[in-house]
Amino acid sequence: MSCKEYPVLIQAGDYELSGFIHKPSDNSPIVVFFHGFTGHKIENGRLYVRIARRLCERGIGSLRFDFRGHGESPLPFEDFKLDYALEDAEKVIEYIRKELNKDFDTIRLGVLGLSMGGAVAIHIASKDPNVKALALLSPAINFREIVTRQAAVCRVESEFFHWGP
């Protein structure tokens, strides 16, 4: 399958976020990549590039971008706040809906997050009913709190195991 790859700039308030789109065909689903703290749209070992290209080979598009204060996006890193990542993520989703709706099936949206990006991906997935897929790579989240809260919501009594340090 032929995949187009091209850079984009996404307006997020007073900033332009540097991004990259991988497009397999018209009307394909799209996955948004959220990188980790101190990371960027490429990620170590070109992880995000490799994943995006594999998805594209399978007919799934993607958008990788740098949060403010990371990679090629503006703002000094030392001024970065997690709230900026959440705002940037929401602006990117808005950009996809407004600017890419002719190129992608924006009703079939996926989000992928690594480390801090995992927390951002969960935030987006919990707010957006069009998110049909959620992939987390070593997410920076409090599993105990999430599982306990979910069990309370579902009124399910269960035990869970903490598998980590």
N, C-alpha and C. Protein backbone atom coordinates (compact mmCIF):
# COMPACT_ATOMS: atom_id res chain seq x y z
N MET A 1 0.84 -1.18 0.00
CA MET A 1 0.00 0.00 0.00
C MET A 1 0.88 1.24 0.00
N SER A 2 0.52 2.21 -0.81
CA SER A 2 1.26 3.45 -0.91
C SER A 2 0.84 4.40 0.22
N CYS A 3 1.82 4.96 0.90
CA CYS A 3 1.55 5.89 1.99
C CYS A 3 2.22 7.23 1.73
N LYS A 4 1.45 8.29 1.90
CA LYS A 4 2.01 9.63 1.80
C LYS A 4 2.43 10.07 3.20
N GLU A 5 3.55 10.75 3.29
CA GLU A 5 4.02 11.30 4.55
C GLU A 5 4.34 12.77 4.33
N TYR A 6 3.79 13.63 5.19
CA TYR A 6 4.04 15.05 5.02
C TYR A 6 3.92 15.80 6.34
N PRO A 7 4.69 16.91 6.48
CA PRO A 7 4.66 17.70 7.71
C PRO A 7 3.44 18.62 7.74
N VAL A 8 3.01 18.96 8.96
CA VAL A 8 1.92 19.92 9.16
C VAL A 8 2.26 20.81 10.35
N LEU A 9 1.65 21.98 10.37
CA LEU A 9 1.71 22.87 11.53
C LEU A 9 0.28 23.02 12.04
N ILE A 10 0.10 22.81 13.33
CA ILE A 10 -1.23 22.83 13.94
C ILE A 10 -1.29 23.99 14.93
N GLN A 11 -2.25 24.87 14.73
CA GLN A 11 -2.41 26.03 15.62
C GLN A 11 -2.97 25.57 16.96
N ALA A 12 -2.28 25.94 18.04
CA ALA A 12 -2.74 25.63 19.40
C ALA A 12 -2.57 26.90 20.22
N GLY A 13 -3.62 27.70 20.26
CA GLY A 13 -3.52 28.99 20.95
C GLY A 13 -2.55 29.89 20.22
N ASP A 14 -1.54 30.38 20.94
CA ASP A 14 -0.53 31.26 20.35
C ASP A 14 0.62 30.49 19.72
N TYR A 15 0.53 29.18 19.71
CA TYR A 15 1.65 28.36 19.25
C TYR A 15 1.26 27.52 18.04
N GLU A 16 2.27 27.17 17.24
CA GLU A 16 2.09 26.21 16.16
C GLU A 16 2.83 24.94 16.54
N LEU A 17 2.11 23.84 16.57
CA LEU A 17 2.70 22.55 16.91
C LEU A 17 3.21 21.89 15.64
N SER A 18 4.40 21.36 15.71
CA SER A 18 5.00 20.67 14.57
C SER A 18 4.50 19.23 14.54
N GLY A 19 3.95 18.83 13.40
CA GLY A 19 3.41 17.48 13.28
C GLY A 19 3.79 16.81 11.97
N PHE A 20 3.43 15.54 11.88
CA PHE A 20 3.70 14.76 10.68
C PHE A 20 2.55 13.79 10.46
N ILE A 21 2.04 13.75 9.25
CA ILE A 21 0.91 12.89 8.90
C ILE A 21 1.39 11.74 8.03
N HIS A 22 0.84 10.57 8.29
CA HIS A 22 1.03 9.38 7.45
C HIS A 22 -0.35 9.02 6.91
N LYS A 23 -0.51 9.07 5.59
CA LYS A 23 -1.83 8.90 4.97
C LYS A 23 -1.80 7.75 3.97
N PRO A 24 -2.55 6.66 4.26
CA PRO A 24 -2.57 5.53 3.34
C PRO A 24 -3.53 5.71 2.17
N SER A 25 -4.73 6.17 2.44
CA SER A 25 -5.76 6.34 1.41
C SER A 25 -6.84 7.24 1.96
N ASP A 26 -7.75 7.65 1.10
CA ASP A 26 -8.85 8.48 1.58
C ASP A 26 -9.76 7.68 2.49
N ASN A 27 -10.31 8.38 3.46
CA ASN A 27 -11.30 7.83 4.37
C ASN A 27 -10.77 6.70 5.26
N SER A 28 -9.48 6.69 5.51
CA SER A 28 -8.93 5.69 6.43
C SER A 28 -9.09 6.20 7.86
N PRO A 29 -9.12 5.29 8.84
CA PRO A 29 -9.11 5.75 10.24
C PRO A 29 -7.77 6.42 10.53
N ILE A 30 -7.71 7.15 11.63
CA ILE A 30 -6.46 7.85 11.98
C ILE A 30 -6.15 7.67 13.46
N VAL A 31 -4.89 7.49 13.76
CA VAL A 31 -4.40 7.35 15.14
C VAL A 31 -3.53 8.57 15.45
N VAL A 32 -3.78 9.18 16.61
CA VAL A 32 -2.97 10.32 17.07
C VAL A 32 -1.96 9.80 18.08
N PHE A 33 -0.71 10.17 17.89
CA PHE A 33 0.38 9.73 18.77
C PHE A 33 0.69 10.83 19.78
N PHE A 34 0.70 10.49 21.07
CA PHE A 34 1.08 11.41 22.14
C PHE A 34 2.39 10.90 22.75
N HIS A 35 3.44 11.70 22.67
CA HIS A 35 4.76 11.27 23.14
C HIS A 35 4.92 11.46 24.64
N GLY A 36 6.02 10.97 25.16
CA GLY A 36 6.31 11.06 26.58
C GLY A 36 6.97 12.38 26.97
N PHE A 37 7.11 12.57 28.28
CA PHE A 37 7.77 13.74 28.84
C PHE A 37 9.22 13.74 28.35
N THR A 38 9.68 14.83 27.83
CA THR A 38 10.98 15.04 27.19
C THR A 38 11.08 14.33 25.83
N GLY A 39 10.01 13.72 25.37
CA GLY A 39 10.01 13.02 24.09
C GLY A 39 9.67 13.96 22.94
N HIS A 40 9.32 13.36 21.81
CA HIS A 40 8.99 14.13 20.61
C HIS A 40 8.26 13.23 19.63
N LYS A 41 7.86 13.80 18.51
CA LYS A 41 7.02 13.08 17.54
C LYS A 41 7.71 11.90 16.88
N ILE A 42 9.02 11.80 17.02
CA ILE A 42 9.75 10.67 16.45
C ILE A 42 9.95 9.58 17.51
N GLU A 43 10.22 9.97 18.72
CA GLU A 43 10.52 9.14 19.88
C GLU A 43 11.83 8.37 19.68
N ASN A 44 12.36 7.89 20.78
CA ASN A 44 13.66 7.20 20.76
C ASN A 44 13.63 6.00 19.82
N GLY A 45 14.73 5.83 19.11
CA GLY A 45 14.84 4.71 18.18
C GLY A 45 13.86 4.80 17.02
N ARG A 46 13.34 6.01 16.78
CA ARG A 46 12.35 6.24 15.70
C ARG A 46 11.10 5.38 15.90
N LEU A 47 10.79 5.09 17.17
CA LEU A 47 9.66 4.22 17.50
C LEU A 47 8.37 4.67 16.84
N TYR A 48 8.05 5.96 16.97
CA TYR A 48 6.77 6.45 16.43
C TYR A 48 6.76 6.43 14.90
N VAL A 49 7.89 6.65 14.28
CA VAL A 49 7.96 6.59 12.81
C VAL A 49 7.70 5.15 12.37
N ARG A 50 8.33 4.20 13.04
CA ARG A 50 8.15 2.79 12.67
C ARG A 50 6.71 2.34 12.87
N ILE A 51 6.10 2.71 13.99
CA ILE A 51 4.71 2.33 14.23
C ILE A 51 3.80 2.97 13.20
N ALA A 52 4.00 4.26 12.93
CA ALA A 52 3.15 4.97 11.96
C ALA A 52 3.24 4.33 10.58
N ARG A 53 4.43 3.94 10.17
CA ARG A 53 4.59 3.31 8.85
C ARG A 53 3.95 1.93 8.81
N ARG A 54 4.04 1.18 9.88
CA ARG A 54 3.38 -0.13 9.93
C ARG A 54 1.86 0.02 9.87
N LEU A 55 1.34 0.98 10.61
CA LEU A 55 -0.11 1.23 10.56
C LEU A 55 -0.52 1.62 9.15
N CYS A 56 0.27 2.48 8.53
CA CYS A 56 -0.04 2.95 7.18
C CYS A 56 -0.07 1.79 6.18
N GLU A 57 0.85 0.85 6.32
CA GLU A 57 0.86 -0.34 5.46
C GLU A 57 -0.44 -1.14 5.60
N ARG A 58 -1.08 -1.01 6.76
CA ARG A 58 -2.31 -1.74 7.04
C ARG A 58 -3.57 -0.88 6.84
N GLY A 59 -3.38 0.29 6.21
CA GLY A 59 -4.52 1.13 5.88
C GLY A 59 -5.00 2.05 6.99
N ILE A 60 -4.14 2.31 7.96
CA ILE A 60 -4.50 3.20 9.08
C ILE A 60 -3.56 4.40 9.07
N GLY A 61 -4.14 5.59 9.02
CA GLY A 61 -3.35 6.81 9.02
C GLY A 61 -2.92 7.20 10.42
N SER A 62 -2.04 8.19 10.50
CA SER A 62 -1.62 8.67 11.81
C SER A 62 -1.15 10.11 11.74
N LEU A 63 -1.17 10.72 12.91
CA LEU A 63 -0.64 12.07 13.08
C LEU A 63 0.24 12.05 14.32
N ARG A 64 1.52 12.34 14.13
CA ARG A 64 2.48 12.46 15.23
C ARG A 64 2.79 13.94 15.38
N PHE A 65 2.92 14.42 16.60
CA PHE A 65 3.22 15.85 16.78
C PHE A 65 4.03 16.05 18.05
N ASP A 66 4.63 17.23 18.16
CA ASP A 66 5.38 17.61 19.35
C ASP A 66 4.52 18.50 20.23
N PHE A 67 4.39 18.11 21.51
CA PHE A 67 3.73 19.01 22.46
C PHE A 67 4.55 20.29 22.58
N ARG A 68 3.91 21.36 23.03
CA ARG A 68 4.66 22.59 23.32
C ARG A 68 5.83 22.28 24.24
N GLY A 69 6.97 22.90 23.97
CA GLY A 69 8.14 22.69 24.81
C GLY A 69 8.90 21.41 24.50
N HIS A 70 8.52 20.72 23.44
CA HIS A 70 9.17 19.46 23.04
C HIS A 70 9.48 19.49 21.55
N GLY A 71 10.52 18.78 21.16
CA GLY A 71 10.84 18.64 19.73
C GLY A 71 10.93 19.97 19.02
N GLU A 72 10.22 20.07 17.90
CA GLU A 72 10.26 21.28 17.07
C GLU A 72 9.17 22.29 17.41
N SER A 73 8.33 21.99 18.38
CA SER A 73 7.29 22.94 18.75
C SER A 73 7.86 23.99 19.69
N PRO A 74 7.26 25.18 19.69
CA PRO A 74 7.81 26.29 20.49
C PRO A 74 7.57 26.13 21.99
N LEU A 75 8.15 27.00 22.74
CA LEU A 75 8.09 27.13 24.19
C LEU A 75 9.30 26.44 24.79
N PRO A 76 10.03 27.14 25.63
CA PRO A 76 11.16 26.50 26.28
C PRO A 76 10.69 25.31 27.12
N PHE A 77 11.44 24.23 27.10
CA PHE A 77 11.05 23.03 27.82
C PHE A 77 10.76 23.31 29.29
N GLU A 78 11.56 24.17 29.91
CA GLU A 78 11.40 24.43 31.35
C GLU A 78 10.07 25.13 31.67
N ASP A 79 9.38 25.67 30.66
CA ASP A 79 8.07 26.30 30.87
C ASP A 79 6.91 25.34 30.64
N PHE A 80 7.19 24.10 30.27
CA PHE A 80 6.15 23.12 29.96
C PHE A 80 5.36 22.76 31.22
N LYS A 81 4.04 22.58 31.04
CA LYS A 81 3.15 22.09 32.09
C LYS A 81 2.26 21.00 31.49
N LEU A 82 1.86 20.05 32.31
CA LEU A 82 0.99 18.97 31.83
C LEU A 82 -0.29 19.53 31.23
N ASP A 83 -0.80 20.61 31.79
CA ASP A 83 -2.01 21.23 31.23
C ASP A 83 -1.81 21.61 29.76
N TYR A 84 -0.60 22.01 29.40
CA TYR A 84 -0.32 22.34 28.00
C TYR A 84 -0.46 21.11 27.11
N ALA A 85 0.00 19.97 27.60
CA ALA A 85 -0.11 18.73 26.81
C ALA A 85 -1.58 18.39 26.59
N LEU A 86 -2.41 18.55 27.61
CA LEU A 86 -3.84 18.26 27.47
C LEU A 86 -4.49 19.23 26.48
N GLU A 87 -4.14 20.52 26.60
CA GLU A 87 -4.68 21.51 25.66
C GLU A 87 -4.21 21.22 24.23
N ASP A 88 -2.95 20.90 24.08
CA ASP A 88 -2.41 20.60 22.75
C ASP A 88 -3.11 19.40 22.14
N ALA A 89 -3.32 18.37 22.94
CA ALA A 89 -4.00 17.16 22.45
C ALA A 89 -5.40 17.49 21.97
N GLU A 90 -6.12 18.30 22.74
CA GLU A 90 -7.47 18.69 22.34
C GLU A 90 -7.45 19.50 21.05
N LYS A 91 -6.46 20.38 20.89
CA LYS A 91 -6.34 21.17 19.66
C LYS A 91 -6.03 20.29 18.46
N VAL A 92 -5.21 19.27 18.66
CA VAL A 92 -4.88 18.35 17.57
C VAL A 92 -6.12 17.57 17.14
N ILE A 93 -6.92 17.11 18.09
CA ILE A 93 -8.16 16.40 17.76
C ILE A 93 -9.10 17.34 17.00
N GLU A 94 -9.19 18.58 17.46
CA GLU A 94 -10.02 19.59 16.77
C GLU A 94 -9.50 19.82 15.34
N TYR A 95 -8.20 19.91 15.18
CA TYR A 95 -7.58 20.08 13.86
C TYR A 95 -7.96 18.91 12.94
N ILE A 96 -7.88 17.72 13.45
CA ILE A 96 -8.24 16.54 12.64
C ILE A 96 -9.68 16.64 12.17
N ARG A 97 -10.58 17.00 13.08
CA ARG A 97 -12.00 17.09 12.72
C ARG A 97 -12.28 18.18 11.69
N LYS A 98 -11.61 19.32 11.83
CA LYS A 98 -11.89 20.45 10.95
C LYS A 98 -11.10 20.41 9.64
N GLU A 99 -9.84 20.04 9.72
CA GLU A 99 -8.95 20.15 8.56
C GLU A 99 -8.71 18.83 7.82
N LEU A 100 -8.91 17.72 8.49
CA LEU A 100 -8.58 16.43 7.86
C LEU A 100 -9.80 15.55 7.63
N ASN A 101 -11.00 16.10 7.83
CA ASN A 101 -12.21 15.28 7.72
C ASN A 101 -12.49 14.80 6.30
N LYS A 102 -11.87 15.41 5.31
CA LYS A 102 -12.05 14.94 3.92
C LYS A 102 -11.04 13.84 3.58
N ASP A 103 -9.97 13.78 4.35
CA ASP A 103 -8.91 12.81 4.08
C ASP A 103 -8.99 11.56 4.95
N PHE A 104 -9.59 11.70 6.14
CA PHE A 104 -9.63 10.60 7.09
C PHE A 104 -11.05 10.40 7.62
N ASP A 105 -11.33 9.20 8.07
CA ASP A 105 -12.60 8.89 8.74
C ASP A 105 -12.44 9.29 10.20
N THR A 106 -12.85 10.51 10.52
CA THR A 106 -12.63 11.05 11.86
C THR A 106 -13.59 10.48 12.90
N ILE A 107 -14.50 9.63 12.46
CA ILE A 107 -15.38 8.92 13.41
C ILE A 107 -14.65 7.68 13.94
N ARG A 108 -13.65 7.23 13.21
CA ARG A 108 -12.83 6.08 13.65
C ARG A 108 -11.45 6.60 14.03
N LEU A 109 -11.39 7.11 15.24
CA LEU A 109 -10.18 7.74 15.75
C LEU A 109 -9.52 6.82 16.77
N GLY A 110 -8.20 6.74 16.72
CA GLY A 110 -7.45 6.01 17.73
C GLY A 110 -6.45 6.95 18.38
N VAL A 111 -6.08 6.64 19.61
CA VAL A 111 -5.06 7.42 20.31
C VAL A 111 -4.02 6.45 20.88
N LEU A 112 -2.77 6.85 20.78
CA LEU A 112 -1.66 6.05 21.27
C LEU A 112 -0.80 6.96 22.14
N GLY A 113 -0.48 6.50 23.34
CA GLY A 113 0.33 7.33 24.22
C GLY A 113 1.44 6.56 24.89
N LEU A 114 2.60 7.19 24.96
CA LEU A 114 3.77 6.63 25.62
C LEU A 114 4.07 7.45 26.87
N SER A 115 4.20 6.80 28.02
CA SER A 115 4.55 7.45 29.27
C SER A 115 3.55 8.58 29.57
N MET A 116 4.02 9.83 29.67
CA MET A 116 3.11 10.95 29.91
C MET A 116 2.01 10.99 28.85
N GLY A 117 2.37 10.65 27.62
CA GLY A 117 1.39 10.62 26.54
C GLY A 117 0.28 9.61 26.79
N GLY A 118 0.56 8.58 27.59
CA GLY A 118 -0.47 7.62 27.96
C GLY A 118 -1.55 8.27 28.80
N ALA A 119 -1.14 9.12 29.74
CA ALA A 119 -2.11 9.85 30.56
C ALA A 119 -2.94 10.78 29.68
N VAL A 120 -2.29 11.43 28.73
CA VAL A 120 -2.99 12.32 27.80
C VAL A 120 -3.97 11.52 26.94
N ALA A 121 -3.55 10.36 26.46
CA ALA A 121 -4.42 9.52 25.62
C ALA A 121 -5.65 9.07 26.40
N ILE A 122 -5.48 8.71 27.67
CA ILE A 122 -6.63 8.32 28.50
C ILE A 122 -7.58 9.50 28.65
N HIS A 123 -7.03 10.67 28.88
CA HIS A 123 -7.85 11.89 29.02
C HIS A 123 -8.70 12.10 27.76
N ILE A 124 -8.07 12.02 26.60
CA ILE A 124 -8.79 12.23 25.33
C ILE A 124 -9.82 11.14 25.12
N ALA A 125 -9.44 9.88 25.34
CA ALA A 125 -10.36 8.76 25.12
C ALA A 125 -11.57 8.84 26.05
N SER A 126 -11.39 9.35 27.26
CA SER A 126 -12.50 9.43 28.20
C SER A 126 -13.49 10.54 27.84
N LYS A 127 -13.04 11.52 27.05
CA LYS A 127 -13.90 12.65 26.69
C LYS A 127 -14.52 12.55 25.30
N ASP A 128 -13.93 11.74 24.43
CA ASP A 128 -14.33 11.75 23.02
C ASP A 128 -14.94 10.42 22.60
N PRO A 129 -16.24 10.40 22.30
CA PRO A 129 -16.89 9.14 21.92
C PRO A 129 -16.42 8.59 20.57
N ASN A 130 -15.74 9.40 19.77
CA ASN A 130 -15.22 8.91 18.49
C ASN A 130 -13.91 8.15 18.61
N VAL A 131 -13.33 8.14 19.80
CA VAL A 131 -12.12 7.34 20.00
C VAL A 131 -12.53 5.88 20.11
N LYS A 132 -12.13 5.11 19.11
CA LYS A 132 -12.51 3.70 19.03
C LYS A 132 -11.39 2.78 19.46
N ALA A 133 -10.16 3.30 19.58
CA ALA A 133 -9.02 2.48 19.97
C ALA A 133 -8.09 3.30 20.86
N LEU A 134 -7.58 2.64 21.89
CA LEU A 134 -6.66 3.27 22.83
C LEU A 134 -5.48 2.32 23.03
N ALA A 135 -4.26 2.80 22.75
CA ALA A 135 -3.05 2.00 22.95
C ALA A 135 -2.14 2.75 23.91
N LEU A 136 -1.69 2.07 24.95
CA LEU A 136 -0.84 2.68 25.97
C LEU A 136 0.48 1.94 26.05
N LEU A 137 1.57 2.68 25.96
CA LEU A 137 2.92 2.12 26.07
C LEU A 137 3.56 2.68 27.33
N SER A 138 3.74 1.85 28.35
CA SER A 138 4.32 2.29 29.63
C SER A 138 3.69 3.59 30.11
N PRO A 139 2.36 3.61 30.27
CA PRO A 139 1.69 4.86 30.62
C PRO A 139 2.05 5.36 32.02
N ALA A 140 2.16 6.66 32.14
CA ALA A 140 2.45 7.30 33.42
C ALA A 140 1.12 7.61 34.10
N ILE A 141 0.56 6.58 34.73
CA ILE A 141 -0.74 6.75 35.37
C ILE A 141 -0.75 5.99 36.69
N ASN A 142 -1.74 6.28 37.51
CA ASN A 142 -1.92 5.60 38.78
C ASN A 142 -2.93 4.48 38.58
N PHE A 143 -2.45 3.26 38.29
CA PHE A 143 -3.34 2.14 38.02
C PHE A 143 -4.26 1.84 39.20
N ARG A 144 -3.74 1.89 40.41
CA ARG A 144 -4.55 1.58 41.59
C ARG A 144 -5.76 2.51 41.65
N GLU A 145 -5.54 3.80 41.46
CA GLU A 145 -6.64 4.76 41.51
C GLU A 145 -7.65 4.50 40.40
N ILE A 146 -7.17 4.24 39.20
CA ILE A 146 -8.07 4.00 38.07
C ILE A 146 -8.90 2.74 38.28
N VAL A 147 -8.26 1.66 38.68
CA VAL A 147 -8.97 0.40 38.89
C VAL A 147 -9.97 0.53 40.03
N THR A 148 -9.57 1.17 41.12
CA THR A 148 -10.47 1.36 42.25
C THR A 148 -11.67 2.21 41.85
N ARG A 149 -11.43 3.29 41.13
CA ARG A 149 -12.52 4.16 40.69
C ARG A 149 -13.46 3.41 39.74
N GLN A 150 -12.90 2.66 38.80
CA GLN A 150 -13.72 1.91 37.85
C GLN A 150 -14.55 0.85 38.58
N ALA A 151 -13.95 0.16 39.55
CA ALA A 151 -14.69 -0.86 40.30
C ALA A 151 -15.84 -0.21 41.07
N ALA A 152 -15.61 0.98 41.62
CA ALA A 152 -16.67 1.68 42.35
C ALA A 152 -17.79 2.09 41.41
N VAL A 153 -17.44 2.56 40.23
CA VAL A 153 -18.45 2.97 39.26
C VAL A 153 -19.29 1.79 38.84
N CYS A 154 -18.65 0.66 38.61
CA CYS A 154 -19.35 -0.54 38.15
C CYS A 154 -19.98 -1.31 39.31
N ARG A 155 -19.69 -0.88 40.53
CA ARG A 155 -20.16 -1.58 41.73
C ARG A 155 -19.74 -3.05 41.72
N VAL A 156 -18.52 -3.24 41.31
CA VAL A 156 -17.96 -4.58 41.28
C VAL A 156 -16.95 -4.69 42.41
N GLU A 157 -17.08 -5.73 43.20
CA GLU A 157 -16.10 -5.96 44.25
C GLU A 157 -15.08 -6.94 43.71
N SER A 158 -13.85 -6.51 43.66
CA SER A 158 -12.81 -7.39 43.16
C SER A 158 -11.47 -6.98 43.74
N GLU A 159 -10.52 -7.88 43.59
CA GLU A 159 -9.16 -7.57 43.98
C GLU A 159 -8.34 -7.35 42.73
N PHE A 160 -7.28 -6.61 42.87
CA PHE A 160 -6.37 -6.44 41.76
C PHE A 160 -4.96 -6.52 42.29
N PHE A 161 -4.04 -6.80 41.40
CA PHE A 161 -2.66 -6.98 41.78
C PHE A 161 -1.82 -5.83 41.27
N HIS A 162 -0.90 -5.40 42.09
CA HIS A 162 0.05 -4.36 41.68
C HIS A 162 1.28 -5.07 41.14
N TRP A 163 1.51 -4.99 39.83
CA TRP A 163 2.65 -5.65 39.18
C TRP A 163 3.70 -4.62 38.84
N GLY A 164 4.42 -4.23 39.78
CA GLY A 164 5.46 -3.25 39.52
C GLY A 164 6.31 -3.03 40.75
N PRO A 165 7.25 -2.12 40.64
CA PRO A 165 8.16 -1.87 41.76
C PRO A 165 7.44 -1.23 42.92
